[in-house]
Amino acid sequence: MGYALCMTEKLSVAYDIAKVIGANRKCDGYWEGNGYRVTWALGHLVNLAEPEAYGYTAQKEMKEYPQKAMDEIPLIPNQFKLALIDRTKSQFFIIKKLIHADDTDYIINCGDMGPEGHILQWFIRLMANCDKPVKRFCATSMTEEAIHSAMQNLRPEQEFSRIIKGEFCKKKADWILGMSLSRVETLKYHVPISVGRVQSPTLYFVVKRYVDVKNWQPTIYYTLDLKLSDFHVYWDKDTEGIFLEKDKTSDGKIINSNVIESKVNEIRNAEYGIVTNRTTLRKKIERPQLYDIAELQRDANRIYGYTASQTLAAAQILYERYKILTYPRTDSKYLTSDLVPYMNKRIQQIGSIEKYQKKAERVLQNGLNIDHRIVNDQKITDHHALLVTEKIQNFDIDSLTPQGNEKIEGISKEMLQNILDLVIVRMLVSFSEAYLFEETIIEVQICGMTFCTKGKKTIREGYREIEDKKYFITREAPGKPEEQTFPDIKEGMRMSIEACYCCRKETTAPKLHTEATLLTAMENAGTNIENGKILKGKGIGTQATRAAIIKKLFEWGYITTEKKGNINYLIPTNKGIFIIKVLPKDLYSPKITADWETRIAKIVDPDDPYTDYDFMREFEQFITEKVKEVKNNNTEIIYKKEVYGKCPWCGHNIYRYRNPNKPDVIYYCSEKNCNFFLKTSDITVRTWTGKNLTEQQICTLIKDGSIVLTCRKKTGNGTYRERFQIVKKEKNGRVFANLRCEFNDKKGQKKG
């Protein structure tokens, strides 16, 4: 009898499975033992091939042959081809060799359980010409019990063939849409434009919010503040039909100051108001649930200003290198029931760290609150909520250190510590009790108007006793009651009036998006569109891809940030706004994803006659119409390049260029005879600071000629501030810009 070959998506999953099933011998690219071989895919090994594989014009040849490239759009291959990813080729050939080994009896697909996980494994088998039987490993967690159960209950791979067909349709349609529309828009408007089913609606969210804020016209309205003997009551808007329609907005806000002032005088002349209602209700606010990656990214952005991609990268380091977090790219806030017995021990392990000892003891003393907000087997597809692992026991948090390119990407020691801290605190909070309080509502009527106030009295702090003040994010709606109590007031009592004030207010503009609110917009993308119900709970993109999509919008120069206080708001660049102006509306609406998901659900449904052939036929018709619409568009909109300052050498405009195949961004002078340019990956800055320059820092350098940056001490412990200055450097008879660090010690002595 030969071997069963287990194929996982990730190295860490392969390790977990190998350890449980007894494949203990480490080989090149796999583990072996006890009748099993366990190998892994390093994520993606195979992708859909590039256009040139079908004879279409290559990306780099489009400028040379623009008409040929335009004529062949839309790009719709008769049959799609697969291609290996260069950086992971070696692992693919290891897997292929194992598949075709004479002693491999069958394959066990141990990929992620979501549609993406199914098709990634299918691509690998297809590329490797797999002719062996395939069984499906189905587990939603990687505990020893769950792995044993999944191995004992392998399912036929054929059960998932419809899911693979549906996901393959999505992959092909995304390829056709991205390649065809990006190319036709780029050639039409002579500027590089990237179009994507998820990317374009995400850009639209940023552009629309920016336009809404720019066009915002505030409405002035008036409210009343009535001071009684012991407390204040308030009147905000007319819900009783007291004022004429012309004097108020559609929702009852008073916009005529004269009529409200008349009421003020009337009230001031009155002697008292009557208490018409006093109601006290016991209420509770539930503790927040465990983290999925989106919620972790939102909190990290709100509290620390970290980008979604930075948070994901930091969590990935904690998961892969330190093995102190469970799989971070999860879309679930729940645990499976088989994990429950381990949670008490996990909280004890958290308490082994002095910083969390008292909080962990408090949670354990009260008993872990494990209910339907924590456990739900039905709401987990691939992975359970984010947790710390058993390695948290006596873990040295100070040992967390970024390495190599991680520092250049902006990952710091502090960031790793903060992300871990967020997950730990959220676990302690989620296992705590709800916050209980009494809410008292008092209504006072005077001159036909009902004034109201609310207050609350804490009964049990619950999770608020655990959560740090800096992490506490108000989860109640604006206008919720303050922590206050009232005197012994009963209905029917007369309350003396001490003063009445008219308060002038104005409606506030919607706030620009942050990465946190943009992630929420992506999650809730189906809320306001027809046929959007299917997106409920899913949105556009996935938990694993949203950060990368937002990062791509930055890299392409479609969005940037504008800092106000401690918050980085997202604003579109000229290019971002231009793209939304010239794109057909269908292509930046989440509706396209809703339509696809609806049809793919029909493909997956065994009782529905709709097929993958039907989907592709309808999509090809759609994309052909959209390409024709772009080609025939006679708009006179012209793209004006974004200007990032004036050249300090010749005074001409500074433009920005990013090679789509490289992470580096170049800011260069528009004057052909001027050699001024700066790169975000400037070697001097990277040597001293360990990071690339940001766009904001580049613009400061261009404007001021110098900038002060935070440098790292050679010892690795501590930082200091130093100035970097633009200088002219000559090489081979050409002058170009260089940066110099003027390093001085505290005494001002020149050190180098």
Foldseek 3Di string as FASTA:
>chain_A
DFAEEEEEADPVLLVLLCVLQVQDDDDVQWGGDPRYIYGHNPHAFKAWDDLVVQVADDPVCCVVPVVSNLVCPLDADPDIDMDTDVVRNVSLVVVLCVLPPPRHQAYEYAYFQALSRLQRVVRSCVVSVRPHFYWYQAFAESDSVRSVVSVVVIHGNVLCVLSNLLVVLVSSLQNSQQVRVQSLVCSLFVHRDTFGLQLQLLLVQQAVQQVLQVPDDKAKFKWKWFDFDFGIWIGAFDPPPPDDPVQADPVGTGRDVVVVVVVQVVQVPDFWWFWADKDKDKDWDFFDFADALLVLQLLCCVQPVDFSVLLQVLVVCCCPVVVFKDDRLFLAREDEPVCVVCLLVQLVQLLQDVVCVVLSVVLVVVPFQDDPSHYDPVRGRGYYGMATDSSSRVDDLQPQADDDCSVQVPHGSVSSSVSVVVNSLSSSLNRKGIWMKMKIKIWIDDPRDITIAIEIATDDRISVVRDDPSSDDDPDDPPDHYHDDDPPDDGGDITGTDHMDMDMDIDDGDDAAASSVSSVCQQCQLVPDPLSPLSHSPGPDGSNCPSVSVVVCVQVQQWDWDDDDSHTGIHGFLVSNLVCVLADPVSNHNVVVSVSSVLSVLSSDPVHPRHSVNSNVVSVVVSVVRSVCNVPDPDPDHRDFGFLAAAPVPRATWGKDHDPVDSKIKIAGPDPVDAEIDIQVAPVCCVFAVYGHDSVRVSCCRVPQKDKDWGADPVRPDIDIWMKGWDWDDDPRDIYIHIDTQDADPVRDGDD
